[in-house]
C-alpha atoms as a PDB file:
ATOM      1  CA  MET A   1      22.600-101.110  86.867  1.00  0.00           C
ATOM      2  CA  GLU A   2      23.113 -99.432  83.345  1.00  0.00           C
ATOM      3  CA  ASN A   3      20.401-100.014  80.820  1.00  0.00           C
ATOM      4  CA  LEU A   4      21.647-101.706  78.009  1.00  0.00           C
ATOM      5  CA  VAL A   5      20.404-100.395  74.386  1.00  0.00           C
ATOM      6  CA  VAL A   6      20.946-102.770  71.724  1.00  0.00           C
ATOM      7  CA  LYS A   7      20.793-101.394  68.483  1.00  0.00           C
ATOM      8  CA  PRO A   8      18.818-103.216  65.866  1.00  0.00           C
ATOM      9  CA  PHE A   9      20.753-105.476  63.349  1.00  0.00           C
ATOM     10  CA  ARG A  10      21.325-103.358  59.963  1.00  0.00           C
ATOM     11  CA  ILE A  11      20.829-105.056  56.335  1.00  0.00           C
ATOM     12  CA  LEU A  12      21.897-103.327  53.204  1.00  0.00           C
ATOM     13  CA  VAL A  13      20.529-105.011  50.338  1.00  0.00           C
ATOM     14  CA  ILE A  14      20.611-104.428  46.375  1.00  0.00           C
ATOM     15  CA  GLU A  15      17.878-105.882  44.610  1.00  0.00           C
ATOM     16  CA  SER A  16      16.358-104.978  41.223  1.00  0.00           C
ATOM     17  CA  ASP A  17      13.035-106.714  41.507  1.00  0.00           C
ATOM     18  CA  LEU A  18      10.105-104.839  42.863  1.00  0.00           C
ATOM     19  CA  GLN A  19       8.418-107.599  44.175  1.00  0.00           C
ATOM     20  CA  MET A  20      11.221-109.212  45.789  1.00  0.00           C
ATOM     21  CA  ARG A  21      12.280-105.837  47.476  1.00  0.00           C
ATOM     22  CA  LYS A  22       8.733-105.477  48.750  1.00  0.00           C
ATOM     23  CA  LYS A  23       8.917-108.957  50.202  1.00  0.00           C
ATOM     24  CA  LEU A  24      12.084-108.322  51.815  1.00  0.00           C
ATOM     25  CA  SER A  25      11.202-105.288  53.509  1.00  0.00           C
ATOM     26  CA  SER A  26       7.899-106.947  54.838  1.00  0.00           C
ATOM     27  CA  CYS A  27      10.227-109.805  55.981  1.00  0.00           C
ATOM     28  CA  PHE A  28      12.829-107.565  57.525  1.00  0.00           C
ATOM     29  CA  ASN A  29      10.037-105.066  59.056  1.00  0.00           C
ATOM     30  CA  GLN A  30       8.567-108.118  60.825  1.00  0.00           C
ATOM     31  CA  SER A  31      12.093-109.149  62.033  1.00  0.00           C
ATOM     32  CA  GLY A  32      12.634-105.846  63.722  1.00  0.00           C
ATOM     33  CA  PHE A  33      15.694-105.062  61.158  1.00  0.00           C
ATOM     34  CA  ASP A  34      16.713-101.666  60.314  1.00  0.00           C
ATOM     35  CA  TYR A  35      17.651-102.269  56.622  1.00  0.00           C
ATOM     36  CA  ARG A  36      17.832-100.333  53.322  1.00  0.00           C
ATOM     37  CA  ILE A  37      17.082-101.585  49.961  1.00  0.00           C
ATOM     38  CA  TYR A  38      18.196-100.523  46.464  1.00  0.00           C
ATOM     39  CA  SER A  39      17.703-101.386  43.163  1.00  0.00           C
ATOM     40  CA  GLY A  40      21.216-100.802  42.288  1.00  0.00           C
ATOM     41  CA  ILE A  41      24.325 -98.627  42.837  1.00  0.00           C
ATOM     42  CA  ASN A  42      27.628 -98.018  41.305  1.00  0.00           C
ATOM     43  CA  ASN A  43      29.953 -97.609  44.493  1.00  0.00           C
ATOM     44  CA  ILE A  44      28.827 -99.250  47.550  1.00  0.00           C
ATOM     45  CA  VAL A  45      31.469 -98.415  50.002  1.00  0.00           C
ATOM     46  CA  PRO A  46      30.197 -94.990  50.687  1.00  0.00           C
ATOM     47  CA  LEU A  47      26.508 -96.287  51.328  1.00  0.00           C
ATOM     48  CA  ILE A  48      27.971 -98.849  53.561  1.00  0.00           C
ATOM     49  CA  LEU A  49      30.105 -96.360  55.153  1.00  0.00           C
ATOM     50  CA  SER A  50      27.007 -93.972  56.107  1.00  0.00           C
ATOM     51  CA  PHE A  51      24.602 -96.967  56.959  1.00  0.00           C
ATOM     52  CA  ARG A  52      26.926 -99.184  58.420  1.00  0.00           C
ATOM     53  CA  PRO A  53      25.273-102.469  57.862  1.00  0.00           C
ATOM     54  CA  ASP A  54      25.941-105.564  59.835  1.00  0.00           C
ATOM     55  CA  LEU A  55      25.300-107.456  56.467  1.00  0.00           C
ATOM     56  CA  VAL A  56      25.025-106.923  52.856  1.00  0.00           C
ATOM     57  CA  LEU A  57      22.534-108.894  50.408  1.00  0.00           C
ATOM     58  CA  LEU A  58      23.699-108.817  46.965  1.00  0.00           C
ATOM     59  CA  GLU A  59      21.484-109.650  43.886  1.00  0.00           C
ATOM     60  CA  TYR A  60      24.134-111.357  41.500  1.00  0.00           C
ATOM     61  CA  LEU A  61      22.414-109.480  38.447  1.00  0.00           C
ATOM     62  CA  SER A  62      21.924-106.218  39.643  1.00  0.00           C
ATOM     63  CA  PRO A  63      21.167-103.634  36.576  1.00  0.00           C
ATOM     64  CA  ILE A  64      24.273-101.287  37.381  1.00  0.00           C
ATOM     65  CA  VAL A  65      27.085-103.230  38.643  1.00  0.00           C
ATOM     66  CA  ASN A  66      26.852-106.999  39.091  1.00  0.00           C
ATOM     67  CA  GLY A  67      26.809-108.160  42.925  1.00  0.00           C
ATOM     68  CA  GLY A  68      29.892-110.054  42.597  1.00  0.00           C
ATOM     69  CA  GLU A  69      31.693-106.588  41.452  1.00  0.00           C
ATOM     70  CA  LEU A  70      29.886-104.807  44.227  1.00  0.00           C
ATOM     71  CA  CYS A  71      31.346-107.530  46.882  1.00  0.00           C
ATOM     72  CA  ILE A  72      34.811-107.113  45.299  1.00  0.00           C
ATOM     73  CA  GLN A  73      34.382-103.431  46.371  1.00  0.00           C
ATOM     74  CA  ILE A  74      33.138-104.530  50.210  1.00  0.00           C
ATOM     75  CA  LYS A  75      35.967-107.029  50.478  1.00  0.00           C
ATOM     76  CA  GLU A  76      38.976-105.019  49.229  1.00  0.00           C
ATOM     77  CA  ASN A  77      38.457-101.726  51.652  1.00  0.00           C
ATOM     78  CA  LYS A  78      39.760-102.007  54.821  1.00  0.00           C
ATOM     79  CA  LEU A  79      37.015-100.776  56.717  1.00  0.00           C
ATOM     80  CA  THR A  80      34.457-102.946  55.203  1.00  0.00           C
ATOM     81  CA  ARG A  81      35.898-106.345  54.512  1.00  0.00           C
ATOM     82  CA  HIS A  82      34.663-107.952  57.710  1.00  0.00           C
ATOM     83  CA  ILE A  83      31.013-107.585  56.776  1.00  0.00           C
ATOM     84  CA  PRO A  84      29.376-110.615  55.626  1.00  0.00           C
ATOM     85  CA  VAL A  85      28.568-110.521  52.214  1.00  0.00           C
ATOM     86  CA  VAL A  86      25.710-112.791  50.473  1.00  0.00           C
ATOM     87  CA  ILE A  87      25.107-113.065  47.116  1.00  0.00           C
ATOM     88  CA  TYR A  88      22.095-114.654  45.528  1.00  0.00           C
ATOM     89  CA  SER A  89      21.003-115.445  42.010  1.00  0.00           C
ATOM     90  CA  ALA A  90      18.279-117.526  39.846  1.00  0.00           C
ATOM     91  CA  PHE A  91      20.950-118.835  37.568  1.00  0.00           C
ATOM     92  CA  PRO A  92      22.872-121.447  39.585  1.00  0.00           C
ATOM     93  CA  SER A  93      25.588-121.547  36.728  1.00  0.00           C
ATOM     94  CA  ASN A  94      26.672-118.141  38.473  1.00  0.00           C
ATOM     95  CA  ILE A  95      27.972-120.246  41.019  1.00  0.00           C
ATOM     96  CA  LEU A  96      30.588-121.312  39.328  1.00  0.00           C
ATOM     97  CA  SER A  97      31.943-118.060  38.365  1.00  0.00           C
ATOM     98  CA  LEU A  98      31.664-116.476  42.156  1.00  0.00           C
ATOM     99  CA  GLY A  99      35.123-117.592  43.374  1.00  0.00           C
ATOM    100  CA  ASP A 100      36.776-114.823  43.100  1.00  0.00           C
ATOM    101  CA  TYR A 101      34.358-112.345  44.436  1.00  0.00           C
ATOM    102  CA  GLY A 102      35.191-113.319  48.315  1.00  0.00           C
ATOM    103  CA  HIS A 103      31.392-113.597  49.256  1.00  0.00           C
ATOM    104  CA  ASP A 104      30.745-115.313  52.462  1.00  0.00           C
ATOM    105  CA  ALA A 105      27.553-117.264  51.051  1.00  0.00           C
ATOM    106  CA  PHE A 106      25.696-118.022  47.787  1.00  0.00           C
ATOM    107  CA  ILE A 107      21.860-118.399  47.872  1.00  0.00           C
ATOM    108  CA  ALA A 108      20.281-120.032  44.552  1.00  0.00           C
ATOM    109  CA  LYS A 109      16.920-118.425  43.763  1.00  0.00           C
ATOM    110  CA  PRO A 110      14.132-118.856  44.492  1.00  0.00           C
ATOM    111  CA  PHE A 111      14.463-119.537  48.087  1.00  0.00           C
ATOM    112  CA  GLU A 112      12.052-119.461  50.860  1.00  0.00           C
ATOM    113  CA  LEU A 113      12.128-116.335  52.680  1.00  0.00           C
ATOM    114  CA  THR A 114      12.381-118.641  55.904  1.00  0.00           C
ATOM    115  CA  ASP A 115      15.401-120.368  54.732  1.00  0.00           C
ATOM    116  CA  LEU A 116      16.780-116.532  53.730  1.00  0.00           C
ATOM    117  CA  MET A 117      16.125-115.363  57.369  1.00  0.00           C
ATOM    118  CA  ARG A 118      17.824-118.630  58.857  1.00  0.00           C
ATOM    119  CA  ARG A 119      20.792-117.736  57.228  1.00  0.00           C
ATOM    120  CA  ILE A 120      20.582-114.466  57.932  1.00  0.00           C
ATOM    121  CA  ASP A 121      20.271-115.180  61.828  1.00  0.00           C
ATOM    122  CA  ILE A 122      23.454-117.208  61.610  1.00  0.00           C
ATOM    123  CA  PHE A 123      25.769-114.803  60.060  1.00  0.00           C
ATOM    124  CA  LEU A 124      24.437-111.943  62.465  1.00  0.00           C
ATOM    125  CA  ARG A 125      25.127-114.197  65.327  1.00  0.00           C
ATOM    126  CA  ARG A 126      28.313-114.782  64.637  1.00  0.00           C
ATOM    127  CA  TYR A 127      29.209-111.479  63.784  1.00  0.00           C
ATOM    128  CA  TRP A 128      27.653-110.252  66.990  1.00  0.00           C
ATOM    129  CA  ASN A 129      29.738-112.917  68.487  1.00  0.00           C
ATOM    130  CA  GLU A 130      32.961-111.593  66.984  1.00  0.00           C
ATOM    131  CA  GLY A 131      32.090-107.992  68.136  1.00  0.00           C
ATOM    132  CA  LYS A 132      32.770-106.655  64.672  1.00  0.00           C
ATOM    133  CA  ARG A 133      29.984-104.336  64.115  1.00  0.00           C
ATOM    134  CA  LEU A 134      30.239-101.429  62.011  1.00  0.00           C
ATOM    135  CA  ALA A 135      27.797 -99.452  63.473  1.00  0.00           C
ATOM    136  CA  ASP A 136      29.768 -99.408  66.657  1.00  0.00           C
ATOM    137  CA  THR A 137      33.150 -98.388  64.863  1.00  0.00           C
ATOM    138  CA  GLU A 138      34.672 -95.005  64.742  1.00  0.00           C
ATOM    139  CA  ILE A 139      34.943 -94.896  60.961  1.00  0.00           C
ATOM    140  CA  PRO A 140      38.075 -91.976  59.735  1.00  0.00           C
ATOM    141  CA  LEU A 141      37.231 -89.398  57.495  1.00  0.00           C
ATOM    142  CA  GLU A 142      39.340 -90.817  54.676  1.00  0.00           C
ATOM    143  CA  TYR A 143      39.277 -94.399  53.678  1.00  0.00           C
ATOM    144  CA  ASP A 144      40.665 -95.900  50.702  1.00  0.00           C
END
Protein backbone atom coordinates (compact mmCIF):
# COMPACT_ATOMS: atom_id res chain seq x y z
CA MET A 1 0.00 0.00 0.00
CA GLU A 2 1.27 3.47 -0.90
CA ASN A 3 2.11 5.96 1.79
CA LEU A 4 -0.49 8.68 1.76
CA VAL A 5 0.95 12.13 2.33
CA VAL A 6 -1.56 14.83 3.17
CA LYS A 7 -0.24 18.35 2.96
CA PRO A 8 -1.29 20.72 5.74
CA PHE A 9 -4.01 23.16 4.83
CA ARG A 10 -2.73 26.55 3.75
CA ILE A 11 -4.23 29.80 4.97
CA LEU A 12 -3.44 33.27 3.70
CA VAL A 13 -4.27 36.19 6.00
CA ILE A 14 -4.23 39.95 5.45
CA GLU A 15 -4.37 41.60 8.89
CA SER A 16 -2.99 45.04 9.84
CA ASP A 17 -3.02 44.66 13.64
CA LEU A 18 0.22 43.22 15.02
CA GLN A 19 -1.42 41.68 18.11
CA MET A 20 -4.05 39.96 15.98
CA ARG A 21 -1.34 38.65 13.63
CA LYS A 22 0.47 37.17 16.65
CA LYS A 23 -2.73 35.54 17.96
CA LEU A 24 -3.56 34.06 14.57
CA SER A 25 0.01 32.85 14.11
CA SER A 26 -0.03 31.09 17.48
CA CYS A 27 -3.41 29.52 16.78
CA PHE A 28 -2.40 28.33 13.30
CA ASN A 29 0.87 26.90 14.62
CA GLN A 30 -1.03 24.87 17.22
CA SER A 31 -3.41 23.61 14.53
CA GLY A 32 -0.61 22.59 12.17
CA PHE A 33 -1.62 24.90 9.33
CA ASP A 34 0.81 26.20 6.74
CA TYR A 35 0.06 29.91 6.71
CA ARG A 36 1.25 33.33 5.61
CA ILE A 37 0.17 36.55 7.31
CA TYR A 38 0.69 39.96 5.72
CA SER A 39 -0.14 43.42 7.05
CA GLY A 40 -1.32 44.63 3.64
CA ILE A 41 -0.99 44.09 -0.10
CA ASN A 42 -1.98 45.71 -3.41
CA ASN A 43 -2.44 42.70 -5.66
CA ILE A 44 -3.33 39.43 -3.98
CA VAL A 45 -3.58 37.11 -6.99
CA PRO A 46 0.19 36.62 -7.58
CA LEU A 47 0.59 35.89 -3.87
CA ILE A 48 -2.20 33.31 -4.03
CA LEU A 49 -0.75 31.66 -7.11
CA SER A 50 2.66 31.32 -5.47
CA PHE A 51 1.46 30.20 -2.00
CA ARG A 52 -1.68 28.33 -3.13
CA PRO A 53 -3.85 28.75 -0.02
CA ASP A 54 -6.93 26.69 0.76
CA LEU A 55 -8.59 29.62 2.53
CA VAL A 56 -8.10 33.40 2.59
CA LEU A 57 -8.91 35.56 5.63
CA LEU A 58 -9.16 39.28 4.94
CA GLU A 59 -9.47 42.12 7.38
CA TYR A 60 -11.97 44.50 5.78
CA LEU A 61 -10.12 47.67 6.81
CA SER A 62 -6.76 46.66 5.42
CA PRO A 63 -4.43 49.69 5.16
CA ILE A 64 -3.37 49.36 1.51
CA VAL A 65 -6.37 47.86 -0.30
CA ASN A 66 -9.50 46.97 1.67
CA GLY A 67 -10.50 43.37 2.14
CA GLY A 68 -13.52 43.72 -0.11
CA GLU A 69 -11.41 44.85 -3.06
CA LEU A 70 -8.92 42.04 -2.43
CA CYS A 71 -11.83 39.60 -2.40
CA ILE A 72 -12.96 40.92 -5.80
CA GLN A 73 -9.45 40.31 -7.17
CA ILE A 74 -9.65 36.70 -5.97
CA LYS A 75 -13.19 36.01 -7.16
CA GLU A 76 -12.73 37.60 -10.61
CA ASN A 77 -9.73 35.40 -11.47
CA LYS A 78 -10.63 32.02 -12.96
CA LEU A 79 -7.69 30.32 -11.21
CA THR A 80 -8.55 31.60 -7.73
CA ARG A 81 -12.32 32.20 -7.64
CA HIS A 82 -13.06 28.83 -6.02
CA ILE A 83 -10.98 29.61 -2.92
CA PRO A 84 -13.12 30.39 0.13
CA VAL A 85 -12.72 33.97 1.34
CA VAL A 86 -13.70 35.10 4.82
CA ILE A 87 -13.83 38.85 5.50
CA TYR A 88 -13.89 40.16 9.04
CA SER A 89 -14.28 43.61 10.56
CA ALA A 90 -14.75 45.38 13.87
CA PHE A 91 -17.42 47.55 12.27
CA PRO A 92 -20.72 45.70 11.85
CA SER A 93 -21.97 48.40 9.47
CA ASN A 94 -19.50 46.99 6.94
CA ILE A 95 -21.73 43.94 6.65
CA LEU A 96 -24.25 46.03 4.71
CA SER A 97 -21.67 47.05 2.10
CA LEU A 98 -20.27 43.57 1.47
CA GLY A 99 -22.87 42.28 -0.96
CA ASP A 100 -20.85 42.83 -4.11
CA TYR A 101 -17.51 41.38 -3.03
CA GLY A 102 -18.31 37.69 -3.46
CA HIS A 103 -16.93 36.63 -0.07
CA ASP A 104 -17.99 33.31 1.39
CA ALA A 105 -18.46 34.49 4.97
CA PHE A 106 -18.27 37.55 7.19
CA ILE A 107 -17.19 37.52 10.84
CA ALA A 108 -17.68 40.49 13.16
CA LYS A 109 -14.74 41.42 15.41
CA PRO A 110 -14.08 40.92 18.18
CA PHE A 111 -14.43 37.18 17.85
CA GLU A 112 -13.19 34.26 19.87
CA LEU A 113 -10.37 32.39 18.17
CA THR A 114 -12.22 29.13 18.86
CA ASP A 115 -15.17 30.43 16.82
CA LEU A 116 -12.86 31.46 14.00
CA MET A 117 -11.15 28.07 14.04
CA ARG A 118 -14.53 26.32 13.97
CA ARG A 119 -15.53 28.29 10.88
CA ILE A 120 -12.16 27.65 9.24
CA ASP A 121 -12.59 23.93 9.92
CA ILE A 122 -16.00 23.95 8.23
CA PHE A 123 -14.65 25.67 5.12
CA LEU A 124 -11.59 23.45 4.87
CA ARG A 125 -13.61 20.24 5.27
CA ARG A 126 -15.99 21.35 2.54
CA TYR A 127 -13.09 22.44 0.36
CA TRP A 128 -11.32 19.11 0.84
CA ASN A 129 -14.49 17.13 0.11
CA GLU A 130 -15.03 19.06 -3.13
CA GLY A 131 -11.44 18.38 -4.22
CA LYS A 132 -10.64 22.00 -5.01
CA ARG A 133 -7.26 22.44 -3.32
CA LEU A 134 -5.21 24.93 -5.31
CA ALA A 135 -2.10 23.35 -3.79
CA ASP A 136 -2.80 20.26 -5.91
CA THR A 137 -3.68 22.16 -9.10
CA GLU A 138 -1.43 22.84 -12.06
CA ILE A 139 -1.25 26.58 -12.71
CA PRO A 140 -0.46 27.89 -16.20
CA LEU A 141 2.41 30.32 -16.57
CA GLU A 142 0.04 33.07 -17.70
CA TYR A 143 -3.15 33.99 -15.91
CA ASP A 144 -5.71 36.79 -16.13
